[in-house]
Amino acid sequence: MPQIVVCKSCGHTIYQGVELKSAEEVIQMVGGQCPKCGRRLAFSIEDVEIRSS
């Protein structure tokens, strides 16, 4: 099952893959901001949503 990380603000897919990555690693990969809308990215456990496919 793939991991998908999306921007909370615009819904842009920031990361999608079968290799699990930490939130900090994904944020670092894109320089700390959403490549589409420019929102500053931060990890908050309250914003995590887990769904099965």
PDB file of N, CA and C in Angstrom:
ATOM      1  N   MET A   1       0.844  -1.169   0.000  1.00  0.00           N
ATOM      2  CA  MET A   1       0.000   0.000   0.000  1.00  0.00           C
ATOM      3  C   MET A   1       0.895   1.238   0.000  1.00  0.00           C
ATOM      4  N   PRO A   2       0.671   2.156  -0.922  1.00  0.00           N
ATOM      5  CA  PRO A   2       1.538   3.340  -1.000  1.00  0.00           C
ATOM      6  C   PRO A   2       1.247   4.362   0.096  1.00  0.00           C
ATOM      7  N   GLN A   3       2.245   5.160   0.368  1.00  0.00           N
ATOM      8  CA  GLN A   3       2.106   6.297   1.280  1.00  0.00           C
ATOM      9  C   GLN A   3       1.875   7.516   0.401  1.00  0.00           C
ATOM     10  N   ILE A   4       0.903   8.330   0.761  1.00  0.00           N
ATOM     11  CA  ILE A   4       0.613   9.548   0.016  1.00  0.00           C
ATOM     12  C   ILE A   4       0.601  10.703   1.007  1.00  0.00           C
ATOM     13  N   VAL A   5       1.368  11.744   0.713  1.00  0.00           N
ATOM     14  CA  VAL A   5       1.414  12.943   1.545  1.00  0.00           C
ATOM     15  C   VAL A   5       0.904  14.090   0.688  1.00  0.00           C
ATOM     16  N   VAL A   6      -0.126  14.785   1.188  1.00  0.00           N
ATOM     17  CA  VAL A   6      -0.711  15.902   0.440  1.00  0.00           C
ATOM     18  C   VAL A   6      -0.664  17.180   1.264  1.00  0.00           C
ATOM     19  N   CYS A   7      -0.637  18.294   0.589  1.00  0.00           N
ATOM     20  CA  CYS A   7      -0.673  19.608   1.240  1.00  0.00           C
ATOM     21  C   CYS A   7      -2.069  19.831   1.812  1.00  0.00           C
ATOM     22  N   LYS A   8      -2.129  20.212   3.069  1.00  0.00           N
ATOM     23  CA  LYS A   8      -3.407  20.470   3.744  1.00  0.00           C
ATOM     24  C   LYS A   8      -4.123  21.670   3.124  1.00  0.00           C
ATOM     25  N   SER A   9      -3.370  22.604   2.586  1.00  0.00           N
ATOM     26  CA  SER A   9      -3.946  23.829   2.054  1.00  0.00           C
ATOM     27  C   SER A   9      -4.533  23.650   0.651  1.00  0.00           C
ATOM     28  N   CYS A  10      -3.749  23.089  -0.271  1.00  0.00           N
ATOM     29  CA  CYS A  10      -4.199  23.024  -1.669  1.00  0.00           C
ATOM     30  C   CYS A  10      -4.477  21.610  -2.181  1.00  0.00           C
ATOM     31  N   GLY A  11      -4.108  20.586  -1.406  1.00  0.00           N
ATOM     32  CA  GLY A  11      -4.369  19.209  -1.823  1.00  0.00           C
ATOM     33  C   GLY A  11      -3.344  18.624  -2.780  1.00  0.00           C
ATOM     34  N   HIS A  12      -2.286  19.367  -3.060  1.00  0.00           N
ATOM     35  CA  HIS A  12      -1.232  18.904  -3.968  1.00  0.00           C
ATOM     36  C   HIS A  12      -0.534  17.678  -3.376  1.00  0.00           C
ATOM     37  N   THR A  13      -0.290  16.643  -4.188  1.00  0.00           N
ATOM     38  CA  THR A  13       0.429  15.461  -3.737  1.00  0.00           C
ATOM     39  C   THR A  13       1.907  15.798  -3.647  1.00  0.00           C
ATOM     40  N   ILE A  14       2.436  15.801  -2.445  1.00  0.00           N
ATOM     41  CA  ILE A  14       3.829  16.151  -2.197  1.00  0.00           C
ATOM     42  C   ILE A  14       4.718  14.921  -2.321  1.00  0.00           C
ATOM     43  N   TYR A  15       4.213  13.780  -1.857  1.00  0.00           N
ATOM     44  CA  TYR A  15       4.977  12.529  -1.966  1.00  0.00           C
ATOM     45  C   TYR A  15       4.001  11.381  -2.131  1.00  0.00           C
ATOM     46  N   GLN A  16       4.352  10.447  -3.026  1.00  0.00           N
ATOM     47  CA  GLN A  16       3.584   9.219  -3.197  1.00  0.00           C
ATOM     48  C   GLN A  16       4.568   8.116  -3.524  1.00  0.00           C
ATOM     49  N   GLY A  17       4.551   7.038  -2.758  1.00  0.00           N
ATOM     50  CA  GLY A  17       5.448   5.929  -3.018  1.00  0.00           C
ATOM     51  C   GLY A  17       5.221   4.785  -2.057  1.00  0.00           C
ATOM     52  N   VAL A  18       5.817   3.645  -2.373  1.00  0.00           N
ATOM     53  CA  VAL A  18       5.668   2.471  -1.513  1.00  0.00           C
ATOM     54  C   VAL A  18       6.671   2.483  -0.365  1.00  0.00           C
ATOM     55  N   GLU A  19       7.735   3.259  -0.500  1.00  0.00           N
ATOM     56  CA  GLU A  19       8.722   3.388   0.573  1.00  0.00           C
ATOM     57  C   GLU A  19       8.199   4.382   1.609  1.00  0.00           C
ATOM     58  N   LEU A  20       8.051   3.920   2.859  1.00  0.00           N
ATOM     59  CA  LEU A  20       7.561   4.807   3.912  1.00  0.00           C
ATOM     60  C   LEU A  20       8.628   5.818   4.287  1.00  0.00           C
ATOM     61  N   LYS A  21       8.229   7.070   4.341  1.00  0.00           N
ATOM     62  CA  LYS A  21       9.139   8.160   4.715  1.00  0.00           C
ATOM     63  C   LYS A  21       8.523   8.907   5.890  1.00  0.00           C
ATOM     64  N   SER A  22       9.372   9.416   6.767  1.00  0.00           N
ATOM     65  CA  SER A  22       8.877  10.203   7.894  1.00  0.00           C
ATOM     66  C   SER A  22       8.386  11.560   7.384  1.00  0.00           C
ATOM     67  N   ALA A  23       7.537  12.181   8.187  1.00  0.00           N
ATOM     68  CA  ALA A  23       7.028  13.502   7.819  1.00  0.00           C
ATOM     69  C   ALA A  23       8.169  14.497   7.657  1.00  0.00           C
ATOM     70  N   GLU A  24       9.134  14.437   8.562  1.00  0.00           N
ATOM     71  CA  GLU A  24      10.282  15.346   8.496  1.00  0.00           C
ATOM     72  C   GLU A  24      11.074  15.151   7.202  1.00  0.00           C
ATOM     73  N   GLU A  25      11.227  13.899   6.777  1.00  0.00           N
ATOM     74  CA  GLU A  25      11.968  13.606   5.544  1.00  0.00           C
ATOM     75  C   GLU A  25      11.240  14.157   4.312  1.00  0.00           C
ATOM     76  N   VAL A  26       9.932  13.996   4.269  1.00  0.00           N
ATOM     77  CA  VAL A  26       9.148  14.512   3.139  1.00  0.00           C
ATOM     78  C   VAL A  26       9.208  16.040   3.110  1.00  0.00           C
ATOM     79  N   ILE A  27       9.056  16.670   4.273  1.00  0.00           N
ATOM     80  CA  ILE A  27       9.124  18.133   4.342  1.00  0.00           C
ATOM     81  C   ILE A  27      10.488  18.629   3.873  1.00  0.00           C
ATOM     82  N   GLN A  28      11.537  17.946   4.290  1.00  0.00           N
ATOM     83  CA  GLN A  28      12.896  18.331   3.890  1.00  0.00           C
ATOM     84  C   GLN A  28      13.105  18.148   2.383  1.00  0.00           C
ATOM     85  N   MET A  29      12.510  17.101   1.800  1.00  0.00           N
ATOM     86  CA  MET A  29      12.659  16.834   0.363  1.00  0.00           C
ATOM     87  C   MET A  29      12.179  17.997  -0.499  1.00  0.00           C
ATOM     88  N   VAL A  30      11.159  18.720  -0.029  1.00  0.00           N
ATOM     89  CA  VAL A  30      10.584  19.819  -0.814  1.00  0.00           C
ATOM     90  C   VAL A  30      10.978  21.190  -0.280  1.00  0.00           C
ATOM     91  N   GLY A  31      11.975  21.225   0.582  1.00  0.00           N
ATOM     92  CA  GLY A  31      12.480  22.509   1.067  1.00  0.00           C
ATOM     93  C   GLY A  31      11.590  23.200   2.083  1.00  0.00           C
ATOM     94  N   GLY A  32      10.698  22.455   2.737  1.00  0.00           N
ATOM     95  CA  GLY A  32       9.890  23.033   3.803  1.00  0.00           C
ATOM     96  C   GLY A  32       8.630  23.744   3.372  1.00  0.00           C
ATOM     97  N   GLN A  33       8.333  23.719   2.056  1.00  0.00           N
ATOM     98  CA  GLN A  33       7.104  24.363   1.615  1.00  0.00           C
ATOM     99  C   GLN A  33       6.490  23.605   0.449  1.00  0.00           C
ATOM    100  N   CYS A  34       5.185  23.759   0.302  1.00  0.00           N
ATOM    101  CA  CYS A  34       4.468  23.094  -0.791  1.00  0.00           C
ATOM    102  C   CYS A  34       4.950  23.661  -2.124  1.00  0.00           C
ATOM    103  N   PRO A  35       5.343  22.793  -3.061  1.00  0.00           N
ATOM    104  CA  PRO A  35       5.806  23.285  -4.354  1.00  0.00           C
ATOM    105  C   PRO A  35       4.713  23.955  -5.191  1.00  0.00           C
ATOM    106  N   LYS A  36       3.433  23.694  -4.878  1.00  0.00           N
ATOM    107  CA  LYS A  36       2.353  24.288  -5.655  1.00  0.00           C
ATOM    108  C   LYS A  36       1.872  25.625  -5.094  1.00  0.00           C
ATOM    109  N   CYS A  37       1.547  25.649  -3.784  1.00  0.00           N
ATOM    110  CA  CYS A  37       0.958  26.878  -3.224  1.00  0.00           C
ATOM    111  C   CYS A  37       1.921  27.673  -2.345  1.00  0.00           C
ATOM    112  N   GLY A  38       3.066  27.086  -1.999  1.00  0.00           N
ATOM    113  CA  GLY A  38       4.060  27.798  -1.214  1.00  0.00           C
ATOM    114  C   GLY A  38       3.824  27.786   0.287  1.00  0.00           C
ATOM    115  N   ARG A  39       2.790  27.088   0.742  1.00  0.00           N
ATOM    116  CA  ARG A  39       2.508  27.042   2.191  1.00  0.00           C
ATOM    117  C   ARG A  39       3.671  26.395   2.931  1.00  0.00           C
ATOM    118  N   ARG A  40       4.024  26.974   4.082  1.00  0.00           N
ATOM    119  CA  ARG A  40       5.069  26.396   4.930  1.00  0.00           C
ATOM    120  C   ARG A  40       4.532  25.095   5.500  1.00  0.00           C
ATOM    121  N   LEU A  41       5.297  24.015   5.362  1.00  0.00           N
ATOM    122  CA  LEU A  41       4.859  22.708   5.820  1.00  0.00           C
ATOM    123  C   LEU A  41       5.377  22.428   7.224  1.00  0.00           C
ATOM    124  N   ALA A  42       4.527  21.843   8.036  1.00  0.00           N
ATOM    125  CA  ALA A  42       4.885  21.437   9.391  1.00  0.00           C
ATOM    126  C   ALA A  42       4.098  20.177   9.710  1.00  0.00           C
ATOM    127  N   PHE A  43       4.651  19.336  10.562  1.00  0.00           N
ATOM    128  CA  PHE A  43       3.992  18.093  10.927  1.00  0.00           C
ATOM    129  C   PHE A  43       3.244  18.258  12.239  1.00  0.00           C
ATOM    130  N   SER A  44       1.986  17.850  12.231  1.00  0.00           N
ATOM    131  CA  SER A  44       1.171  17.842  13.438  1.00  0.00           C
ATOM    132  C   SER A  44       0.393  16.536  13.455  1.00  0.00           C
ATOM    133  N   ILE A  45       0.504  15.783  14.519  1.00  0.00           N
ATOM    134  CA  ILE A  45      -0.173  14.486  14.600  1.00  0.00           C
ATOM    135  C   ILE A  45      -1.682  14.627  14.439  1.00  0.00           C
ATOM    136  N   GLU A  46      -2.258  15.762  14.819  1.00  0.00           N
ATOM    137  CA  GLU A  46      -3.693  15.984  14.684  1.00  0.00           C
ATOM    138  C   GLU A  46      -4.124  16.046  13.213  1.00  0.00           C
ATOM    139  N   ASP A  47      -3.196  16.347  12.313  1.00  0.00           N
ATOM    140  CA  ASP A  47      -3.518  16.470  10.893  1.00  0.00           C
ATOM    141  C   ASP A  47      -3.309  15.176  10.109  1.00  0.00           C
ATOM    142  N   VAL A  48      -2.904  14.111  10.772  1.00  0.00           N
ATOM    143  CA  VAL A  48      -2.647  12.849  10.092  1.00  0.00           C
ATOM    144  C   VAL A  48      -3.967  12.119   9.855  1.00  0.00           C
ATOM    145  N   GLU A  49      -4.148  11.656   8.637  1.00  0.00           N
ATOM    146  CA  GLU A  49      -5.334  10.868   8.295  1.00  0.00           C
ATOM    147  C   GLU A  49      -4.854   9.575   7.648  1.00  0.00           C
ATOM    148  N   ILE A  50      -5.307   8.453   8.166  1.00  0.00           N
ATOM    149  CA  ILE A  50      -4.907   7.145   7.621  1.00  0.00           C
ATOM    150  C   ILE A  50      -6.152   6.500   7.035  1.00  0.00           C
ATOM    151  N   ARG A  51      -6.020   6.118   5.760  1.00  0.00           N
ATOM    152  CA  ARG A  51      -7.127   5.472   5.061  1.00  0.00           C
ATOM    153  C   ARG A  51      -6.630   4.205   4.398  1.00  0.00           C
ATOM    154  N   SER A  52      -7.486   3.223   4.275  1.00  0.00           N
ATOM    155  CA  SER A  52      -7.119   2.034   3.510  1.00  0.00           C
ATOM    156  C   SER A  52      -7.642   2.225   2.081  1.00  0.00           C
ATOM    157  N   SER A  53      -6.999   1.541   1.170  1.00  0.00           N
ATOM    158  CA  SER A  53      -7.412   1.715  -0.231  1.00  0.00           C
ATOM    159  C   SER A  53      -8.457   0.737  -0.646  1.00  0.00           C
TER     160      SER A  53
END
